[in-house]
Protein backbone atom coordinates (compact mmCIF):
# COMPACT_ATOMS: atom_id res chain seq x y z
CA MET A 1 -102.90 188.16 -39.70
CA GLN A 2 -100.18 188.91 -37.21
CA ARG A 3 -100.02 186.97 -34.01
CA PRO A 4 -100.45 189.20 -30.94
CA ARG A 5 -97.40 189.49 -28.80
CA ARG A 6 -97.53 188.31 -25.27
CA ALA A 7 -96.53 190.59 -22.49
CA ALA A 8 -93.04 189.80 -21.31
CA ALA A 9 -93.17 188.48 -17.80
CA ALA A 10 -90.76 189.91 -15.32
CA ARG A 11 -88.06 187.42 -14.46
CA ARG A 12 -87.12 186.99 -10.88
CA PRO A 13 -83.45 186.54 -10.11
CA PRO A 14 -82.60 183.00 -9.00
CA TYR A 15 -80.87 184.30 -5.89
CA PRO A 16 -81.56 187.41 -3.86
CA SER A 17 -79.22 190.24 -4.74
CA PRO A 18 -76.78 191.37 -2.04
CA PRO A 19 -77.65 194.53 -0.15
CA SER A 20 -76.51 197.67 -1.92
CA SER A 21 -75.64 201.11 -0.54
CA HIS A 22 -78.16 202.67 -2.94
CA ASP A 23 -81.12 200.85 -1.39
CA GLY A 24 -81.33 203.31 1.40
CA GLY A 25 -80.73 202.82 5.04
CA ASP A 26 -77.51 202.72 6.98
CA SER A 27 -74.73 201.37 4.71
CA ASP A 28 -72.30 200.88 7.60
CA ALA A 29 -74.78 198.67 9.40
CA SER A 30 -75.28 196.57 6.24
CA ALA A 31 -71.55 196.12 5.78
CA SER A 32 -71.07 195.08 9.37
CA ASP A 33 -73.90 192.53 9.09
CA ALA A 34 -72.44 191.01 5.89
CA SER A 35 -68.94 190.69 7.35
CA ALA A 36 -70.16 189.02 10.52
CA SER A 37 -69.62 185.18 10.49
CA PRO A 38 -72.12 182.73 11.99
CA PRO A 39 -71.36 181.63 15.52
CA PRO A 40 -69.35 178.36 15.74
CA PRO A 41 -71.17 175.24 16.89
CA PRO A 42 -70.71 174.23 20.49
CA PRO A 43 -67.68 171.96 21.01
CA SER A 44 -69.78 169.25 22.57
CA ALA A 45 -71.90 168.74 19.40
CA PRO A 46 -70.45 165.76 17.41
CA PRO A 47 -70.21 166.03 13.60
CA PRO A 48 -72.75 164.08 11.60
CA ALA A 49 -71.98 160.44 10.73
CA VAL A 50 -70.98 159.56 7.17
CA ARG A 51 -72.34 156.33 5.63
CA GLY A 52 -73.13 154.90 9.01
CA ARG A 53 -69.48 155.02 10.19
CA THR A 54 -68.30 156.33 13.52
CA PRO A 55 -66.90 159.90 13.10
CA VAL A 56 -63.28 160.46 13.97
CA ALA A 57 -64.17 163.31 16.34
CA THR A 58 -66.11 160.92 18.63
CA LEU A 59 -63.09 158.71 19.31
CA ALA A 60 -61.38 158.57 22.63
CA PRO A 61 -58.59 161.12 23.10
CA GLY A 62 -55.83 158.51 22.74
CA ALA A 63 -57.39 156.56 19.86
CA ARG A 64 -57.13 159.41 17.36
CA ASP A 65 -53.33 159.38 17.50
CA ARG A 66 -53.21 155.72 16.46
CA LEU A 67 -55.04 156.36 13.20
CA PRO A 68 -53.15 156.86 9.92
CA PRO A 69 -52.95 160.41 8.52
CA LEU A 70 -55.71 159.73 6.01
CA ALA A 71 -58.08 158.63 8.74
CA ARG A 72 -57.31 161.65 10.94
CA ALA A 73 -58.67 164.02 8.33
CA GLY A 74 -62.17 162.59 8.59
CA PRO A 75 -64.28 159.47 8.22
CA HIS A 76 -63.20 157.44 5.19
CA LEU A 77 -63.80 153.94 3.94
CA HIS A 78 -61.18 151.24 4.02
CA PRO A 79 -59.20 150.98 0.73
CA LEU A 80 -60.73 147.53 0.16
CA GLY A 81 -64.22 148.84 0.81
CA VAL A 82 -64.74 146.41 3.70
CA THR A 83 -64.47 148.40 6.91
CA SER A 84 -63.62 151.84 8.26
CA PRO A 85 -60.23 153.06 9.54
CA VAL A 86 -61.55 152.80 13.07
CA VAL A 87 -62.15 149.08 12.69
CA ALA A 88 -58.84 148.72 10.87
CA ALA A 89 -57.01 150.48 13.72
CA ASP A 90 -58.69 148.23 16.28
CA PHE A 91 -57.77 145.18 14.21
CA ALA A 92 -54.13 146.30 13.98
CA ALA A 93 -53.96 147.04 17.70
CA ALA A 94 -55.50 143.69 18.67
CA SER A 95 -53.27 141.81 16.26
CA GLY A 96 -50.19 143.59 17.58
CA ALA A 97 -51.10 142.78 21.20
CA ALA A 98 -51.73 139.14 20.37
CA LEU A 99 -48.45 138.91 18.47
CA ALA A 100 -46.59 140.42 21.44
CA LYS A 101 -48.13 137.75 23.71
CA VAL A 102 -47.01 135.03 21.31
CA ARG A 103 -43.45 136.38 21.11
CA ALA A 104 -43.26 136.59 24.87
CA ALA A 105 -44.55 133.05 25.23
CA VAL A 106 -42.16 131.49 22.74
CA ALA A 107 -39.06 133.42 23.79
CA GLY A 108 -36.22 130.95 24.27
CA THR A 109 -38.27 127.96 23.13
CA ALA A 110 -38.63 126.04 19.89
CA PRO A 111 -40.47 127.75 17.01
CA LEU A 112 -44.23 127.26 17.11
CA ASP A 113 -46.99 127.53 14.58
CA VAL A 114 -47.69 131.27 14.53
CA ALA A 115 -51.11 130.83 12.94
CA ALA A 116 -52.19 128.38 15.64
CA ALA A 117 -50.76 130.61 18.37
CA LEU A 118 -52.61 133.63 17.02
CA ALA A 119 -55.84 131.67 17.00
CA ALA A 120 -55.24 130.57 20.59
CA ALA A 121 -54.52 134.16 21.65
CA GLY A 122 -57.84 135.33 20.23
CA ALA A 123 -56.50 137.57 17.48
CA PRO A 124 -59.12 138.67 14.96
CA ARG A 125 -58.74 137.23 11.49
CA PRO A 126 -59.83 138.65 8.13
CA PRO A 127 -62.31 136.59 6.12
CA ALA A 128 -60.81 133.61 4.32
CA ALA A 129 -60.35 133.76 0.56
CA PRO A 130 -62.99 131.93 -1.48
CA PRO A 131 -62.00 128.47 -2.78
CA PRO A 132 -60.65 128.38 -6.32
CA ALA A 133 -63.19 127.72 -9.02
CA ALA A 134 -63.35 124.27 -10.55
CA PRO A 135 -61.49 123.99 -13.86
CA LEU A 136 -63.65 124.11 -16.97
CA PRO A 137 -64.00 120.92 -19.01
CA PRO A 138 -61.81 120.79 -22.09
CA ALA A 139 -63.43 122.17 -25.22
CA GLY A 140 -63.69 120.24 -28.46
CA PRO A 141 -64.80 116.74 -29.43
CA VAL A 142 -65.01 114.08 -26.71
CA PRO A 143 -63.38 110.69 -27.51
CA LEU A 144 -65.82 107.80 -27.11
CA GLY A 145 -63.54 104.94 -28.10
CA PRO A 146 -61.08 103.02 -25.90
CA GLY A 147 -58.09 104.88 -27.32
CA GLY A 148 -54.85 103.53 -28.69
CA GLY A 149 -53.69 102.70 -32.19
CA ARG A 150 -51.86 104.82 -34.67
CA GLY A 151 -52.46 108.49 -35.23
CA LEU A 152 -54.29 110.09 -38.10
CA GLU A 153 -52.49 110.25 -41.45
CA PRO A 154 -53.20 113.52 -43.29
CA GLY A 155 -54.40 112.97 -46.84
CA THR A 156 -55.02 109.25 -46.26
CA ASP A 157 -57.62 108.74 -43.52
CA VAL A 158 -61.20 109.71 -44.36
CA LEU A 159 -63.35 111.35 -41.65
CA ILE A 160 -67.13 110.96 -41.80
CA THR A 161 -69.55 113.15 -39.81
CA VAL A 162 -72.91 111.54 -39.01
CA ALA A 163 -75.81 113.47 -37.42
CA ILE A 164 -78.31 111.58 -35.23
CA SER A 165 -81.71 113.20 -34.88
CA GLU A 166 -84.09 113.10 -31.95
CA TYR A 167 -86.92 110.61 -31.78
CA GLY A 168 -89.75 111.81 -34.00
CA ARG A 169 -87.85 114.99 -35.00
CA ALA A 170 -85.75 114.39 -38.07
CA ALA A 171 -84.85 118.08 -38.38
CA ARG A 172 -83.51 118.42 -34.83
CA PRO A 173 -80.10 116.75 -34.31
CA LEU A 174 -79.53 114.92 -31.05
CA ALA A 175 -75.78 114.43 -31.48
CA THR A 176 -73.04 114.51 -34.09
CA LEU A 177 -70.40 111.79 -34.31
CA VAL A 178 -67.12 111.88 -36.23
CA LEU A 179 -65.89 108.50 -37.45
CA VAL A 180 -62.91 107.16 -39.39
CA ALA A 181 -64.00 105.34 -42.54
CA SER A 182 -61.26 102.71 -42.39
CA SER A 183 -61.91 101.56 -38.81
CA SER A 184 -65.49 102.57 -37.89
CA THR A 185 -68.71 100.65 -38.59
CA TRP A 186 -72.42 101.29 -38.18
CA ALA A 187 -72.13 99.47 -34.84
CA ASP A 188 -70.16 102.46 -33.48
CA VAL A 189 -73.05 104.76 -34.36
CA ALA A 190 -75.59 102.40 -32.79
CA THR A 191 -73.51 102.01 -29.61
CA HIS A 192 -72.72 105.67 -28.94
CA ALA A 193 -76.02 107.32 -29.91
CA PRO A 194 -76.93 109.26 -26.69
CA CYS A 195 -80.66 108.50 -26.55
CA PRO A 196 -82.56 109.25 -23.28
CA ALA A 197 -84.67 106.11 -23.79
CA ASP A 198 -81.72 103.91 -22.80
CA ALA A 199 -81.44 105.52 -19.35
CA ALA A 200 -85.21 105.55 -18.84
CA LEU A 201 -85.65 101.85 -19.60
CA ALA A 202 -82.54 100.96 -17.63
CA SER A 203 -84.13 102.51 -14.52
CA LEU A 204 -87.07 100.11 -15.01
CA GLY A 205 -84.78 97.14 -15.48
CA THR A 206 -86.26 96.45 -18.91
CA GLY A 207 -85.42 97.19 -22.51
CA ALA A 208 -85.14 95.51 -25.88
CA ALA A 209 -81.79 94.01 -26.77
CA GLY A 210 -82.06 94.24 -30.54
CA ARG A 211 -81.17 97.19 -32.77
CA TYR A 212 -80.72 97.77 -36.47
CA VAL A 213 -79.69 100.36 -39.06
CA ALA A 214 -81.43 100.59 -42.44
CA ALA A 215 -78.93 101.94 -44.96
CA GLU A 216 -78.54 101.56 -48.72
CA GLY A 217 -80.93 98.64 -49.17
CA VAL A 218 -79.54 96.59 -46.27
CA ILE A 219 -81.06 95.94 -42.82
CA LEU A 220 -77.96 95.81 -40.58
CA VAL A 221 -78.84 93.97 -37.36
CA ASP A 222 -76.96 93.17 -34.17
CA ALA A 223 -75.68 89.67 -34.79
CA GLY A 224 -74.57 89.30 -31.19
CA ALA A 225 -78.10 89.86 -29.87
CA GLU A 226 -79.47 87.20 -32.20
CA ALA A 227 -76.76 84.77 -31.12
CA ARG A 228 -77.85 85.26 -27.49
CA GLY A 229 -81.41 84.27 -28.35
CA GLY A 230 -82.76 87.63 -29.44
CA PRO A 231 -85.41 88.01 -32.17
CA ASP A 232 -84.57 88.39 -35.85
CA LEU A 233 -85.50 92.03 -36.39
CA ALA A 234 -84.80 91.97 -40.13
CA ALA A 235 -87.19 89.12 -41.02
CA PRO A 236 -90.53 90.96 -40.47
CA ILE A 237 -89.20 94.13 -42.13
CA LEU A 238 -88.01 92.25 -45.22
CA ALA A 239 -91.32 90.38 -45.46
CA PHE A 240 -93.27 93.63 -45.23
CA LEU A 241 -91.16 95.33 -47.91
CA GLU A 242 -91.53 92.33 -50.22
CA GLU A 243 -95.28 92.33 -49.73
CA LEU A 244 -95.46 96.00 -50.70
CA GLY A 245 -93.11 95.49 -53.63
CA THR A 246 -90.69 98.14 -52.33
CA LYS A 247 -87.20 97.92 -53.78
CA ALA A 248 -83.96 99.31 -52.44
CA PRO A 249 -82.59 102.45 -54.15
CA ALA A 250 -79.78 102.26 -56.64
CA PRO A 251 -76.27 102.62 -55.23
CA PRO A 252 -75.18 106.26 -55.03
CA ASP A 253 -71.98 105.67 -57.03
CA ARG A 254 -73.92 104.81 -60.21
CA PRO A 255 -75.99 107.20 -62.37
CA ALA A 256 -79.74 107.02 -62.34
CA PRO A 257 -81.46 104.89 -65.04
CA GLU A 258 -82.58 107.96 -67.00
CA ALA A 259 -78.96 109.20 -67.16
CA ARG A 260 -77.22 105.92 -68.10
CA PRO A 261 -75.14 105.96 -71.28
CA ALA A 262 -76.24 104.28 -74.51
CA ARG A 263 -73.20 102.02 -74.51
CA GLY A 264 -71.14 100.46 -71.78
CA ARG A 265 -72.09 98.71 -68.62
CA PRO A 266 -75.63 99.57 -67.49
CA PRO A 267 -75.96 100.95 -64.02
CA ALA A 268 -77.49 98.88 -61.24
CA GLY A 269 -81.16 99.60 -60.82
CA PRO A 270 -83.49 99.00 -57.87
CA ARG A 271 -82.85 95.76 -56.04
CA PRO A 272 -84.55 93.87 -53.21
CA TRP A 273 -83.65 94.65 -49.62
CA ALA A 274 -81.13 92.37 -47.91
CA LYS A 275 -79.94 91.52 -44.44
CA GLY A 276 -76.51 92.27 -42.99
CA ALA A 277 -74.63 92.77 -39.74
CA LEU A 278 -73.74 96.06 -38.06
CA ALA A 279 -70.11 95.18 -37.50
CA ASP A 280 -69.48 93.25 -40.71
CA ALA A 281 -67.46 95.78 -42.66
CA PRO A 282 -66.05 99.28 -42.13
CA LEU A 283 -67.75 102.30 -43.61
CA SER A 284 -65.04 102.65 -46.24
CA THR A 285 -66.37 99.54 -48.04
CA GLN A 286 -70.04 100.64 -48.02
CA PRO A 287 -71.81 103.17 -50.27
CA LEU A 288 -72.88 106.37 -48.51
CA ARG A 289 -75.05 109.34 -49.46
CA ALA A 290 -73.72 112.61 -48.08
CA GLY A 291 -75.58 115.88 -47.81
CA GLY A 292 -79.27 116.63 -48.19
CA GLY A 293 -81.83 115.22 -45.79
CA ALA A 294 -81.75 112.12 -43.63
CA ALA A 295 -81.08 108.99 -45.68
CA TYR A 296 -80.84 106.23 -43.06
CA VAL A 297 -82.71 105.02 -39.98
CA PHE A 298 -81.43 103.72 -36.65
CA CYS A 299 -83.91 101.84 -34.44
CA HIS A 300 -83.39 100.48 -30.93
CA GLN A 301 -85.33 99.67 -27.75
CA GLY A 302 -88.10 98.01 -29.72
CA GLY A 303 -89.31 101.10 -31.61
CA CYS A 304 -87.26 104.21 -30.82
CA GLU A 305 -86.27 105.44 -34.29
CA HIS A 306 -83.66 108.07 -35.14
CA ALA A 307 -82.91 109.51 -38.56
CA LEU A 308 -79.25 109.38 -39.62
CA ALA A 309 -77.66 111.82 -42.06
CA VAL A 310 -74.09 111.88 -43.37
CA ARG A 311 -73.21 115.57 -43.13
CA ASP A 312 -69.57 115.58 -44.23
CA VAL A 313 -66.93 113.32 -45.81
CA ARG A 314 -63.38 114.69 -45.97
CA LEU A 315 -59.72 113.75 -45.78
CA ALA A 316 -57.84 114.21 -42.55
CA THR A 317 -55.62 117.30 -42.47
CA ALA A 318 -52.44 118.23 -40.64
CA ALA A 319 -54.55 120.09 -38.07
CA ASP A 320 -56.42 116.85 -37.29
CA ALA A 321 -53.17 114.97 -36.83
CA ALA A 322 -51.79 117.74 -34.58
CA THR A 323 -54.56 117.09 -32.02
CA GLY A 324 -52.93 113.76 -31.12
CA ALA A 325 -56.11 111.75 -31.72
CA THR A 326 -55.61 108.07 -32.55
CA LEU A 327 -57.83 105.62 -34.37
CA GLY A 328 -58.89 104.16 -31.02
CA ASP A 329 -60.36 107.52 -29.93
CA PHE A 330 -63.03 107.38 -32.61
CA PRO A 331 -65.93 107.90 -32.77
CA LEU A 332 -65.70 111.44 -31.41
CA LEU A 333 -68.75 113.17 -29.95
CA ALA A 334 -68.47 116.50 -31.77
CA HIS A 335 -71.83 117.92 -30.67
CA ARG A 336 -74.67 117.04 -28.34
CA ALA A 337 -77.95 118.93 -28.18
CA ARG A 338 -78.85 120.71 -24.96
CA PRO A 339 -81.35 118.69 -22.93
CA PRO A 340 -84.87 120.09 -23.32
CA LEU A 341 -86.53 121.87 -20.42
CA ARG A 342 -88.33 119.48 -18.12
CA ARG A 343 -91.99 119.90 -17.34
CA LEU A 344 -93.25 121.17 -14.01
CA CYS A 345 -94.52 118.81 -11.35
CA CYS A 346 -98.22 118.07 -11.81
CA ALA A 347 -98.84 118.46 -8.04
CA CYS A 348 -96.92 121.50 -6.80
CA ARG A 349 -96.47 123.20 -10.21
CA THR A 350 -93.29 124.90 -8.95
CA THR A 351 -90.49 122.31 -9.28
CA ARG A 352 -89.16 120.62 -12.39
CA ALA A 353 -90.34 117.04 -12.76
CA ALA A 354 -87.94 114.19 -12.08
CA LYS A 355 -90.22 111.15 -12.46
CA ALA A 356 -92.57 110.00 -15.22
CA VAL A 357 -95.36 107.78 -13.86
CA TRP A 358 -97.84 105.45 -15.58
CA ASP A 359 -100.85 103.48 -14.27
CA SER A 360 -101.15 105.44 -11.03
CA ALA A 361 -104.58 105.88 -9.39
CA ARG A 362 -103.34 109.09 -7.72
CA ALA A 363 -102.19 110.80 -10.90
CA PRO A 364 -104.26 113.33 -12.86
CA GLY A 365 -103.28 111.76 -16.18
CA ASP A 366 -101.23 109.06 -17.86
CA PRO A 367 -98.34 109.65 -18.05
CA SER A 368 -97.90 112.11 -15.20
CA PHE A 369 -94.77 114.02 -14.22
CA TRP A 370 -93.71 114.53 -10.60
CA CYS A 371 -90.88 116.11 -8.67
CA GLY A 372 -89.09 113.89 -6.18
CA GLY A 373 -90.89 115.17 -3.07
CA CYS A 374 -94.43 115.05 -4.46
CA TYR A 375 -93.85 111.64 -6.03
CA ALA A 376 -92.82 110.16 -2.68
CA ARG A 377 -95.71 111.77 -0.75
CA PHE A 378 -98.40 110.64 -3.19
CA HIS A 379 -97.21 107.08 -3.83
CA TYR A 380 -95.66 106.01 -0.50
CA ASP A 381 -96.89 106.18 3.09
CA ALA A 382 -95.05 107.54 6.15
CA ALA A 383 -93.35 104.19 6.72
CA GLY A 384 -91.98 104.09 3.16
CA ALA A 385 -94.33 101.35 1.95
CA LEU A 386 -95.91 101.52 -1.49
CA ALA A 387 -99.38 103.07 -1.27
CA ALA A 388 -100.37 103.27 -4.96
CA PRO A 389 -99.13 100.71 -7.53
CA HIS A 390 -97.61 102.32 -10.62
CA ARG A 391 -94.78 102.24 -13.13
CA VAL A 392 -92.10 104.95 -12.97
CA VAL A 393 -88.98 105.99 -14.88
CA ASP A 394 -86.52 108.82 -14.43
CA TYR A 395 -87.69 111.83 -16.44
CA VAL A 396 -84.96 113.61 -18.38
CA GLY A 397 -87.02 116.12 -20.34
CA GLY A 398 -89.04 116.50 -23.48
C-alpha cells in the first residue's frame, strides 16, 4: 500500500524580496525610495554606552585630544582589562601634574624619595602586586633523626621499610618509615610512630610511659621506663602466653619442620617467648619477616596497638647515596596517611569538631565532639569559670 503524499506547503522567503519594476506601480518612485538614506540622528544624541564605560563622544572638547589613537576611535577596554582609556588618560594626566609639582619642588635641592613625594602630592597609584606565594615544602622523605655520621654506602648498607598501621585497622597504614639495618633498632620505630593518641593524652597531662614491640618470639620493652620505676610490661604477657601454651614461631631463616632434611642439623622449632630490650641490638642482628601481612605488634599508651609490617628490604643504591642522606638522618618518614575528616560539632552541626569531651552533663553522649565556640559556651560561664565538670582532649579526627 503506497503512502499518500502530503501537499507541499508553500515556503515563505526568509526576507521580503526587494521591490521590482514588474510589480506594477511607478518604478521611478520605487527607485527613489530605495536610494534614499535614513535621516542622521541629531547631533545632541549621545551614542549608547558600551559595557558600562563612558563613551568617547561624551567627553569634554579638550579631553578627546589627550586620548591615544586607539581610544579616539571608540570606547575600548584597557589592555590589562582593568579600566577604560578615559580612566587611564585621567591617571596619566594626574600623575604628570603631580610629577611636575615634585620636580618644581626639588629643583636645586638634594634628591628626594620620589615615591614618598608622589604620595604626598596625592598622585593616584595602581593597585599593589600581590605578595609572593610561600615556597612549597620539599618533596620526598623527611629525616627524623638528629643527622650526622657517614653517608650511605651503595651495595653495603641495607635499607628496611616498615609500615605502621592505624589503631584497630591493620590494613590501613598510618606511616611508613625507612631505616638502616646496621644503625636502627626497634626503638626508632617506637619513638617516631606518629600516633594521634600521644598528642591527645599529652593535652590531658597523662599517658602511660611504657611501650613494647612483639617481634619474632621476643617482647621488646623500654628498659629506660622500667629503670625509672615503670611497670614490667613483659611479665603479664609472658605469663599469659605460658598459661595458654602458646609458643613463639620458628625463626624465618630456617625451614619449617615438615621441610627439614633427613640428615644434617635440624631446624629450630617453636620456642617459648622471651623478654628483650628495644634498643639492645640493631635490626641487622635480628630475624625479620618481609612481605605478606602484618607480622609484629607495637603497643604504647597502655593499650594503643599498631600492626607492624616489613614491606621491603634492599641494598642502598647510588641514587640513595646521591641524596646526601647520612646515617644520622634515619629513620626517614617516607609516607604519612592523610588525617581523617573530623566529625561535626554535636551542637551547631556546621563546624568541624576540635574537642572530644567525656563525663559532661551537658553533652548528648559520651564521648561528645564540639567545636571551639560551642565547647566554651556549654562548659564555661560568661566569666570564664567552669560550669560543667568534664574531661576533654584535643580532637584530631577519626
